[in-house]
Amino acid sequence: MSKPTDLVQGTLDLLILARRIRQVSRNVLQVNQGALYPALHRLEQQGWIKAHWAETETGRKAKFYSLTRAGRAQMEKEMASWDRLSAAINLVVKTV
């Protein structure tokens, strides 16, 4: 049985596009750096996010990401797909 923190394959991009994964999920979903940074790089190469370097409140440099117009469109497609998939899974699970 999978743990609640395991992500359904293919949902990581959607969650990254939707932002603030840990905070919004109330610490249920956590993405480790080994998965996060390759996904961010992939999303940037696809043109769905853009990055810029800036100084943080503590004075250190950090890379900040923002959603592009193409990223917003992709997020909407991914959300529609997720809605269909999760509705189908709920139908199956609730008939047990």
PDB file of N, CA and C in Angstrom:
ATOM      1  N   MET A   1       0.853  -1.176   0.000  1.00  0.00           N
ATOM      2  CA  MET A   1       0.000   0.000   0.000  1.00  0.00           C
ATOM      3  C   MET A   1       0.894   1.232   0.000  1.00  0.00           C
ATOM      4  N   SER A   2       0.532   2.236  -0.785  1.00  0.00           N
ATOM      5  CA  SER A   2       1.356   3.438  -0.854  1.00  0.00           C
ATOM      6  C   SER A   2       1.115   4.333   0.355  1.00  0.00           C
ATOM      7  N   LYS A   3       2.113   5.152   0.626  1.00  0.00           N
ATOM      8  CA  LYS A   3       2.003   6.112   1.717  1.00  0.00           C
ATOM      9  C   LYS A   3       1.257   7.339   1.212  1.00  0.00           C
ATOM     10  N   PRO A   4       0.642   8.109   2.126  1.00  0.00           N
ATOM     11  CA  PRO A   4      -0.067   9.306   1.681  1.00  0.00           C
ATOM     12  C   PRO A   4       0.844  10.317   1.003  1.00  0.00           C
ATOM     13  N   THR A   5       2.140  10.252   1.272  1.00  0.00           N
ATOM     14  CA  THR A   5       3.045  11.223   0.660  1.00  0.00           C
ATOM     15  C   THR A   5       3.487  10.804  -0.733  1.00  0.00           C
ATOM     16  N   ASP A   6       3.206   9.573  -1.145  1.00  0.00           N
ATOM     17  CA  ASP A   6       3.545   9.152  -2.502  1.00  0.00           C
ATOM     18  C   ASP A   6       2.631   9.880  -3.490  1.00  0.00           C
ATOM     19  N   LEU A   7       3.222  10.363  -4.570  1.00  0.00           N
ATOM     20  CA  LEU A   7       2.440  11.077  -5.562  1.00  0.00           C
ATOM     21  C   LEU A   7       2.036  10.139  -6.688  1.00  0.00           C
ATOM     22  N   VAL A   8       0.814  10.274  -7.156  1.00  0.00           N
ATOM     23  CA  VAL A   8       0.378   9.538  -8.331  1.00  0.00           C
ATOM     24  C   VAL A   8       1.280   9.973  -9.467  1.00  0.00           C
ATOM     25  N   GLN A   9       1.802   9.001 -10.204  1.00  0.00           N
ATOM     26  CA  GLN A   9       2.739   9.320 -11.274  1.00  0.00           C
ATOM     27  C   GLN A   9       2.121  10.328 -12.236  1.00  0.00           C
ATOM     28  N   GLY A  10       2.878  11.345 -12.564  1.00  0.00           N
ATOM     29  CA  GLY A  10       2.404  12.367 -13.487  1.00  0.00           C
ATOM     30  C   GLY A  10       1.781  13.571 -12.813  1.00  0.00           C
ATOM     31  N   THR A  11       1.593  13.523 -11.511  1.00  0.00           N
ATOM     32  CA  THR A  11       0.964  14.658 -10.836  1.00  0.00           C
ATOM     33  C   THR A  11       1.970  15.687 -10.348  1.00  0.00           C
ATOM     34  N   LEU A  12       3.248  15.359 -10.349  1.00  0.00           N
ATOM     35  CA  LEU A  12       4.246  16.291  -9.827  1.00  0.00           C
ATOM     36  C   LEU A  12       4.246  17.600 -10.606  1.00  0.00           C
ATOM     37  N   ASP A  13       4.204  17.538 -11.934  1.00  0.00           N
ATOM     38  CA  ASP A  13       4.197  18.773 -12.718  1.00  0.00           C
ATOM     39  C   ASP A  13       2.998  19.632 -12.359  1.00  0.00           C
ATOM     40  N   LEU A  14       1.829  19.010 -12.229  1.00  0.00           N
ATOM     41  CA  LEU A  14       0.630  19.756 -11.855  1.00  0.00           C
ATOM     42  C   LEU A  14       0.800  20.411 -10.494  1.00  0.00           C
ATOM     43  N   LEU A  15       1.323  19.674  -9.543  1.00  0.00           N
ATOM     44  CA  LEU A  15       1.493  20.231  -8.206  1.00  0.00           C
ATOM     45  C   LEU A  15       2.491  21.380  -8.188  1.00  0.00           C
ATOM     46  N   ILE A  16       3.549  21.252  -8.967  1.00  0.00           N
ATOM     47  CA  ILE A  16       4.526  22.338  -9.037  1.00  0.00           C
ATOM     48  C   ILE A  16       3.892  23.550  -9.707  1.00  0.00           C
ATOM     49  N   LEU A  17       3.136  23.319 -10.766  1.00  0.00           N
ATOM     50  CA  LEU A  17       2.467  24.430 -11.425  1.00  0.00           C
ATOM     51  C   LEU A  17       1.464  25.099 -10.489  1.00  0.00           C
ATOM     52  N   ALA A  18       0.852  24.315  -9.619  1.00  0.00           N
ATOM     53  CA  ALA A  18      -0.143  24.859  -8.690  1.00  0.00           C
ATOM     54  C   ALA A  18       0.496  25.535  -7.475  1.00  0.00           C
ATOM     55  N   ARG A  19       1.797  25.350  -7.217  1.00  0.00           N
ATOM     56  CA  ARG A  19       2.570  26.039  -6.184  1.00  0.00           C
ATOM     57  C   ARG A  19       2.231  25.605  -4.762  1.00  0.00           C
ATOM     58  N   ARG A  20       3.180  25.941  -3.880  1.00  0.00           N
ATOM     59  CA  ARG A  20       3.046  25.800  -2.434  1.00  0.00           C
ATOM     60  C   ARG A  20       2.524  24.425  -2.007  1.00  0.00           C
ATOM     61  N   ILE A  21       3.124  23.393  -2.510  1.00  0.00           N
ATOM     62  CA  ILE A  21       2.658  22.026  -2.294  1.00  0.00           C
ATOM     63  C   ILE A  21       2.540  21.683  -0.814  1.00  0.00           C
ATOM     64  N   ARG A  22       3.598  21.845  -0.083  1.00  0.00           N
ATOM     65  CA  ARG A  22       3.607  21.437   1.325  1.00  0.00           C
ATOM     66  C   ARG A  22       2.627  22.271   2.144  1.00  0.00           C
ATOM     67  N   GLN A  23       2.649  23.573   1.941  1.00  0.00           N
ATOM     68  CA  GLN A  23       1.802  24.467   2.731  1.00  0.00           C
ATOM     69  C   GLN A  23       0.314  24.194   2.487  1.00  0.00           C
ATOM     70  N   VAL A  24      -0.073  24.108   1.241  1.00  0.00           N
ATOM     71  CA  VAL A  24      -1.483  23.917   0.913  1.00  0.00           C
ATOM     72  C   VAL A  24      -1.979  22.543   1.345  1.00  0.00           C
ATOM     73  N   SER A  25      -1.121  21.533   1.257  1.00  0.00           N
ATOM     74  CA  SER A  25      -1.539  20.171   1.631  1.00  0.00           C
ATOM     75  C   SER A  25      -1.423  19.930   3.138  1.00  0.00           C
ATOM     76  N   ARG A  26      -1.107  20.968   3.877  1.00  0.00           N
ATOM     77  CA  ARG A  26      -0.936  20.868   5.332  1.00  0.00           C
ATOM     78  C   ARG A  26       0.098  19.797   5.690  1.00  0.00           C
ATOM     79  N   ASN A  27       1.206  19.839   4.977  1.00  0.00           N
ATOM     80  CA  ASN A  27       2.360  18.954   5.188  1.00  0.00           C
ATOM     81  C   ASN A  27       2.105  17.494   4.855  1.00  0.00           C
ATOM     82  N   VAL A  28       1.011  17.183   4.160  1.00  0.00           N
ATOM     83  CA  VAL A  28       0.759  15.797   3.761  1.00  0.00           C
ATOM     84  C   VAL A  28       1.613  15.444   2.549  1.00  0.00           C
ATOM     85  N   LEU A  29       1.690  16.352   1.585  1.00  0.00           N
ATOM     86  CA  LEU A  29       2.488  16.119   0.378  1.00  0.00           C
ATOM     87  C   LEU A  29       3.792  16.882   0.489  1.00  0.00           C
ATOM     88  N   GLN A  30       4.886  16.167   0.343  1.00  0.00           N
ATOM     89  CA  GLN A  30       6.196  16.790   0.388  1.00  0.00           C
ATOM     90  C   GLN A  30       7.008  16.265  -0.784  1.00  0.00           C
ATOM     91  N   VAL A  31       7.677  17.164  -1.458  1.00  0.00           N
ATOM     92  CA  VAL A  31       8.487  16.794  -2.614  1.00  0.00           C
ATOM     93  C   VAL A  31       9.940  17.020  -2.251  1.00  0.00           C
ATOM     94  N   ASN A  32      10.749  15.967  -2.365  1.00  0.00           N
ATOM     95  CA  ASN A  32      12.164  16.127  -2.020  1.00  0.00           C
ATOM     96  C   ASN A  32      12.907  16.826  -3.152  1.00  0.00           C
ATOM     97  N   GLN A  33      14.055  17.381  -2.830  1.00  0.00           N
ATOM     98  CA  GLN A  33      14.825  18.146  -3.803  1.00  0.00           C
ATOM     99  C   GLN A  33      15.244  17.312  -4.999  1.00  0.00           C
ATOM    100  N   GLY A  34      15.457  16.029  -4.792  1.00  0.00           N
ATOM    101  CA  GLY A  34      15.844  15.144  -5.887  1.00  0.00           C
ATOM    102  C   GLY A  34      14.774  15.021  -6.952  1.00  0.00           C
ATOM    103  N   ALA A  35      13.539  15.254  -6.595  1.00  0.00           N
ATOM    104  CA  ALA A  35      12.432  15.233  -7.566  1.00  0.00           C
ATOM    105  C   ALA A  35      12.063  16.644  -8.008  1.00  0.00           C
ATOM    106  N   LEU A  36      12.150  17.600  -7.085  1.00  0.00           N
ATOM    107  CA  LEU A  36      11.694  18.962  -7.366  1.00  0.00           C
ATOM    108  C   LEU A  36      12.549  19.653  -8.419  1.00  0.00           C
ATOM    109  N   TYR A  37      13.853  19.649  -8.250  1.00  0.00           N
ATOM    110  CA  TYR A  37      14.694  20.422  -9.160  1.00  0.00           C
ATOM    111  C   TYR A  37      14.714  19.885 -10.592  1.00  0.00           C
ATOM    112  N   PRO A  38      14.747  18.578 -10.807  1.00  0.00           N
ATOM    113  CA  PRO A  38      14.611  18.105 -12.196  1.00  0.00           C
ATOM    114  C   PRO A  38      13.255  18.477 -12.801  1.00  0.00           C
ATOM    115  N   ALA A  39      12.204  18.446 -11.988  1.00  0.00           N
ATOM    116  CA  ALA A  39      10.877  18.822 -12.489  1.00  0.00           C
ATOM    117  C   ALA A  39      10.833  20.311 -12.834  1.00  0.00           C
ATOM    118  N   LEU A  40      11.409  21.148 -11.984  1.00  0.00           N
ATOM    119  CA  LEU A  40      11.455  22.580 -12.282  1.00  0.00           C
ATOM    120  C   LEU A  40      12.216  22.836 -13.580  1.00  0.00           C
ATOM    121  N   HIS A  41      13.338  22.150 -13.753  1.00  0.00           N
ATOM    122  CA  HIS A  41      14.133  22.300 -14.975  1.00  0.00           C
ATOM    123  C   HIS A  41      13.307  21.877 -16.198  1.00  0.00           C
ATOM    124  N   ARG A  42      12.621  20.755 -16.084  1.00  0.00           N
ATOM    125  CA  ARG A  42      11.787  20.254 -17.187  1.00  0.00           C
ATOM    126  C   ARG A  42      10.672  21.253 -17.514  1.00  0.00           C
ATOM    127  N   LEU A  43      10.007  21.792 -16.492  1.00  0.00           N
ATOM    128  CA  LEU A  43       8.932  22.756 -16.713  1.00  0.00           C
ATOM    129  C   LEU A  43       9.456  24.042 -17.350  1.00  0.00           C
ATOM    130  N   GLU A  44      10.659  24.442 -16.947  1.00  0.00           N
ATOM    131  CA  GLU A  44      11.262  25.639 -17.534  1.00  0.00           C
ATOM    132  C   GLU A  44      11.608  25.403 -19.007  1.00  0.00           C
ATOM    133  N   GLN A  45      12.144  24.236 -19.327  1.00  0.00           N
ATOM    134  CA  GLN A  45      12.481  23.917 -20.717  1.00  0.00           C
ATOM    135  C   GLN A  45      11.236  23.843 -21.590  1.00  0.00           C
ATOM    136  N   GLN A  46      10.117  23.436 -21.003  1.00  0.00           N
ATOM    137  CA  GLN A  46       8.867  23.364 -21.766  1.00  0.00           C
ATOM    138  C   GLN A  46       8.192  24.726 -21.896  1.00  0.00           C
ATOM    139  N   GLY A  47       8.746  25.725 -21.213  1.00  0.00           N
ATOM    140  CA  GLY A  47       8.197  27.073 -21.304  1.00  0.00           C
ATOM    141  C   GLY A  47       7.003  27.309 -20.390  1.00  0.00           C
ATOM    142  N   TRP A  48       6.794  26.437 -19.422  1.00  0.00           N
ATOM    143  CA  TRP A  48       5.641  26.561 -18.532  1.00  0.00           C
ATOM    144  C   TRP A  48       5.931  27.412 -17.309  1.00  0.00           C
ATOM    145  N   ILE A  49       7.203  27.547 -16.958  1.00  0.00           N
ATOM    146  CA  ILE A  49       7.612  28.441 -15.881  1.00  0.00           C
ATOM    147  C   ILE A  49       8.831  29.209 -16.359  1.00  0.00           C
ATOM    148  N   LYS A  50       9.088  30.347 -15.714  1.00  0.00           N
ATOM    149  CA  LYS A  50      10.314  31.084 -15.996  1.00  0.00           C
ATOM    150  C   LYS A  50      10.981  31.380 -14.659  1.00  0.00           C
ATOM    151  N   ALA A  51      12.288  31.514 -14.705  1.00  0.00           N
ATOM    152  CA  ALA A  51      13.062  31.698 -13.474  1.00  0.00           C
ATOM    153  C   ALA A  51      13.828  33.010 -13.528  1.00  0.00           C
ATOM    154  N   HIS A  52      14.043  33.564 -12.366  1.00  0.00           N
ATOM    155  CA  HIS A  52      14.932  34.725 -12.245  1.00  0.00           C
ATOM    156  C   HIS A  52      15.609  34.674 -10.880  1.00  0.00           C
ATOM    157  N   TRP A  53      16.811  35.207 -10.846  1.00  0.00           N
ATOM    158  CA  TRP A  53      17.567  35.265  -9.601  1.00  0.00           C
ATOM    159  C   TRP A  53      17.250  36.570  -8.901  1.00  0.00           C
ATOM    160  N   ALA A  54      17.102  36.491  -7.588  1.00  0.00           N
ATOM    161  CA  ALA A  54      16.858  37.686  -6.776  1.00  0.00           C
ATOM    162  C   ALA A  54      17.378  37.433  -5.373  1.00  0.00           C
ATOM    163  N   GLU A  55      17.440  38.495  -4.612  1.00  0.00           N
ATOM    164  CA  GLU A  55      17.899  38.384  -3.237  1.00  0.00           C
ATOM    165  C   GLU A  55      16.714  38.072  -2.329  1.00  0.00           C
ATOM    166  N   THR A  56      16.921  37.183  -1.367  1.00  0.00           N
ATOM    167  CA  THR A  56      15.882  36.852  -0.397  1.00  0.00           C
ATOM    168  C   THR A  56      15.877  37.887   0.722  1.00  0.00           C
ATOM    169  N   GLU A  57      14.924  37.746   1.636  1.00  0.00           N
ATOM    170  CA  GLU A  57      14.843  38.655   2.783  1.00  0.00           C
ATOM    171  C   GLU A  57      16.094  38.582   3.647  1.00  0.00           C
ATOM    172  N   THR A  58      16.763  37.434   3.626  1.00  0.00           N
ATOM    173  CA  THR A  58      17.975  37.264   4.434  1.00  0.00           C
ATOM    174  C   THR A  58      19.237  37.719   3.701  1.00  0.00           C
ATOM    175  N   GLY A  59      19.090  38.193   2.453  1.00  0.00           N
ATOM    176  CA  GLY A  59      20.223  38.719   1.716  1.00  0.00           C
ATOM    177  C   GLY A  59      20.939  37.722   0.839  1.00  0.00           C
ATOM    178  N   ARG A  60      20.508  36.476   0.809  1.00  0.00           N
ATOM    179  CA  ARG A  60      21.173  35.518  -0.073  1.00  0.00           C
ATOM    180  C   ARG A  60      20.444  35.442  -1.403  1.00  0.00           C
ATOM    181  N   LYS A  61      21.178  35.048  -2.434  1.00  0.00           N
ATOM    182  CA  LYS A  61      20.585  34.931  -3.773  1.00  0.00           C
ATOM    183  C   LYS A  61      19.829  33.614  -3.880  1.00  0.00           C
ATOM    184  N   ALA A  62      18.683  33.672  -4.549  1.00  0.00           N
ATOM    185  CA  ALA A  62      17.867  32.484  -4.759  1.00  0.00           C
ATOM    186  C   ALA A  62      17.180  32.588  -6.112  1.00  0.00           C
ATOM    187  N   LYS A  63      16.832  31.449  -6.651  1.00  0.00           N
ATOM    188  CA  LYS A  63      16.131  31.398  -7.925  1.00  0.00           C
ATOM    189  C   LYS A  63      14.629  31.365  -7.634  1.00  0.00           C
ATOM    190  N   PHE A  64      13.899  32.264  -8.253  1.00  0.00           N
ATOM    191  CA  PHE A  64      12.454  32.339  -8.084  1.00  0.00           C
ATOM    192  C   PHE A  64      11.791  31.960  -9.399  1.00  0.00           C
ATOM    193  N   TYR A  65      10.685  31.225  -9.305  1.00  0.00           N
ATOM    194  CA  TYR A  65       9.982  30.743 -10.482  1.00  0.00           C
ATOM    195  C   TYR A  65       8.597  31.367 -10.555  1.00  0.00           C
ATOM    196  N   SER A  66       8.150  31.625 -11.769  1.00  0.00           N
ATOM    197  CA  SER A  66       6.782  32.101 -11.971  1.00  0.00           C
ATOM    198  C   SER A  66       6.180  31.377 -13.171  1.00  0.00           C
ATOM    199  N   LEU A  67       4.881  31.301 -13.150  1.00  0.00           N
ATOM    200  CA  LEU A  67       4.121  30.605 -14.182  1.00  0.00           C
ATOM    201  C   LEU A  67       4.013  31.481 -15.420  1.00  0.00           C
ATOM    202  N   THR A  68       4.221  30.899 -16.582  1.00  0.00           N
ATOM    203  CA  THR A  68       4.052  31.624 -17.839  1.00  0.00           C
ATOM    204  C   THR A  68       2.613  31.451 -18.317  1.00  0.00           C
ATOM    205  N   ARG A  69       2.265  32.180 -19.357  1.00  0.00           N
ATOM    206  CA  ARG A  69       0.924  32.030 -19.951  1.00  0.00           C
ATOM    207  C   ARG A  69       0.725  30.590 -20.439  1.00  0.00           C
ATOM    208  N   ALA A  70       1.755  30.031 -21.074  1.00  0.00           N
ATOM    209  CA  ALA A  70       1.675  28.641 -21.531  1.00  0.00           C
ATOM    210  C   ALA A  70       1.548  27.688 -20.340  1.00  0.00           C
ATOM    211  N   GLY A  71       2.227  28.013 -19.253  1.00  0.00           N
ATOM    212  CA  GLY A  71       2.150  27.202 -18.044  1.00  0.00           C
ATOM    213  C   GLY A  71       0.764  27.220 -17.441  1.00  0.00           C
ATOM    214  N   ARG A  72       0.131  28.385 -17.448  1.00  0.00           N
ATOM    215  CA  ARG A  72      -1.230  28.483 -16.926  1.00  0.00           C
ATOM    216  C   ARG A  72      -2.185  27.634 -17.775  1.00  0.00           C
ATOM    217  N   ALA A  73      -2.025  27.692 -19.095  1.00  0.00           N
ATOM    218  CA  ALA A  73      -2.863  26.883 -19.986  1.00  0.00           C
ATOM    219  C   ALA A  73      -2.627  25.395 -19.730  1.00  0.00           C
ATOM    220  N   GLN A  74      -1.361  25.014 -19.573  1.00  0.00           N
ATOM    221  CA  GLN A  74      -1.037  23.607 -19.295  1.00  0.00           C
ATOM    222  C   GLN A  74      -1.603  23.182 -17.953  1.00  0.00           C
ATOM    223  N   MET A  75      -1.521  24.059 -16.955  1.00  0.00           N
ATOM    224  CA  MET A  75      -2.056  23.737 -15.644  1.00  0.00           C
ATOM    225  C   MET A  75      -3.556  23.480 -15.731  1.00  0.00           C
ATOM    226  N   GLU A  76      -4.259  24.282 -16.511  1.00  0.00           N
ATOM    227  CA  GLU A  76      -5.700  24.085 -16.667  1.00  0.00           C
ATOM    228  C   GLU A  76      -5.998  22.737 -17.327  1.00  0.00           C
ATOM    229  N   LYS A  77      -5.196  22.360 -18.326  1.00  0.00           N
ATOM    230  CA  LYS A  77      -5.363  21.047 -18.968  1.00  0.00           C
ATOM    231  C   LYS A  77      -5.102  19.923 -17.971  1.00  0.00           C
ATOM    232  N   GLU A  78      -4.009  20.062 -17.208  1.00  0.00           N
ATOM    233  CA  GLU A  78      -3.652  19.044 -16.214  1.00  0.00           C
ATOM    234  C   GLU A  78      -4.722  18.929 -15.136  1.00  0.00           C
ATOM    235  N   MET A  79      -5.286  20.058 -14.730  1.00  0.00           N
ATOM    236  CA  MET A  79      -6.327  20.032 -13.701  1.00  0.00           C
ATOM    237  C   MET A  79      -7.583  19.340 -14.214  1.00  0.00           C
ATOM    238  N   ALA A  80      -7.948  19.586 -15.462  1.00  0.00           N
ATOM    239  CA  ALA A  80      -9.108  18.919 -16.048  1.00  0.00           C
ATOM    240  C   ALA A  80      -8.876  17.413 -16.125  1.00  0.00           C
ATOM    241  N   SER A  81      -7.672  17.032 -16.521  1.00  0.00           N
ATOM    242  CA  SER A  81      -7.324  15.612 -16.579  1.00  0.00           C
ATOM    243  C   SER A  81      -7.363  14.994 -15.186  1.00  0.00           C
ATOM    244  N   TRP A  82      -6.818  15.708 -14.190  1.00  0.00           N
ATOM    245  CA  TRP A  82      -6.830  15.221 -12.813  1.00  0.00           C
ATOM    246  C   TRP A  82      -8.265  15.065 -12.301  1.00  0.00           C
ATOM    247  N   ASP A  83      -9.127  16.025 -12.617  1.00  0.00           N
ATOM    248  CA  ASP A  83     -10.526  15.944 -12.192  1.00  0.00           C
ATOM    249  C   ASP A  83     -11.191  14.698 -12.752  1.00  0.00           C
ATOM    250  N   ARG A  84     -10.947  14.397 -14.034  1.00  0.00           N
ATOM    251  CA  ARG A  84     -11.525  13.192 -14.635  1.00  0.00           C
ATOM    252  C   ARG A  84     -10.976  11.931 -13.980  1.00  0.00           C
ATOM    253  N   LEU A  85      -9.661  11.882 -13.785  1.00  0.00           N
ATOM    254  CA  LEU A  85      -9.037  10.705 -13.189  1.00  0.00           C
ATOM    255  C   LEU A  85      -9.505  10.493 -11.756  1.00  0.00           C
ATOM    256  N   SER A  86      -9.498  11.555 -10.944  1.00  0.00           N
ATOM    257  CA  SER A  86      -9.889  11.399  -9.547  1.00  0.00           C
ATOM    258  C   SER A  86     -11.376  11.055  -9.413  1.00  0.00           C
ATOM    259  N   ALA A  87     -12.214  11.581 -10.301  1.00  0.00           N
ATOM    260  CA  ALA A  87     -13.640  11.231 -10.271  1.00  0.00           C
ATOM    261  C   ALA A  87     -13.824   9.753 -10.601  1.00  0.00           C
ATOM    262  N   ALA A  88     -13.076   9.261 -11.582  1.00  0.00           N
ATOM    263  CA  ALA A  88     -13.167   7.840 -11.938  1.00  0.00           C
ATOM    264  C   ALA A  88     -12.687   6.948 -10.800  1.00  0.00           C
ATOM    265  N   ILE A  89     -11.594   7.340 -10.154  1.00  0.00           N
ATOM    266  CA  ILE A  89     -11.077   6.568  -9.020  1.00  0.00           C
ATOM    267  C   ILE A  89     -12.089   6.577  -7.887  1.00  0.00           C
ATOM    268  N   ASN A  90     -12.705   7.714  -7.602  1.00  0.00           N
ATOM    269  CA  ASN A  90     -13.727   7.780  -6.557  1.00  0.00           C
ATOM    270  C   ASN A  90     -14.898   6.866  -6.870  1.00  0.00           C
ATOM    271  N   LEU A  91     -15.309   6.806  -8.124  1.00  0.00           N
ATOM    272  CA  LEU A  91     -16.407   5.919  -8.498  1.00  0.00           C
ATOM    273  C   LEU A  91     -16.066   4.468  -8.206  1.00  0.00           C
ATOM    274  N   VAL A  92     -14.853   4.074  -8.565  1.00  0.00           N
ATOM    275  CA  VAL A  92     -14.418   2.697  -8.342  1.00  0.00           C
ATOM    276  C   VAL A  92     -14.304   2.388  -6.847  1.00  0.00           C
ATOM    277  N   VAL A  93     -13.671   3.290  -6.112  1.00  0.00           N
ATOM    278  CA  VAL A  93     -13.448   3.062  -4.688  1.00  0.00           C
ATOM    279  C   VAL A  93     -14.764   3.023  -3.911  1.00  0.00           C
ATOM    280  N   LYS A  94     -15.701   3.864  -4.264  1.00  0.00           N
ATOM    281  CA  LYS A  94     -16.957   3.943  -3.518  1.00  0.00           C
ATOM    282  C   LYS A  94     -17.910   2.791  -3.834  1.00  0.00           C
ATOM    283  N   THR A  95     -17.621   2.016  -4.874  1.00  0.00           N
ATOM    284  CA  THR A  95     -18.477   0.872  -5.175  1.00  0.00           C
ATOM    285  C   THR A  95     -18.001  -0.401  -4.489  1.00  0.00           C
ATOM    286  N   VAL A  96     -16.896  -0.309  -3.785  1.00  0.00           N
ATOM    287  CA  VAL A  96     -16.346  -1.474  -3.097  1.00  0.00           C
ATOM    288  C   VAL A  96     -17.111  -1.746  -1.833  1.00  0.00           C
TER     289      VAL A  96
END
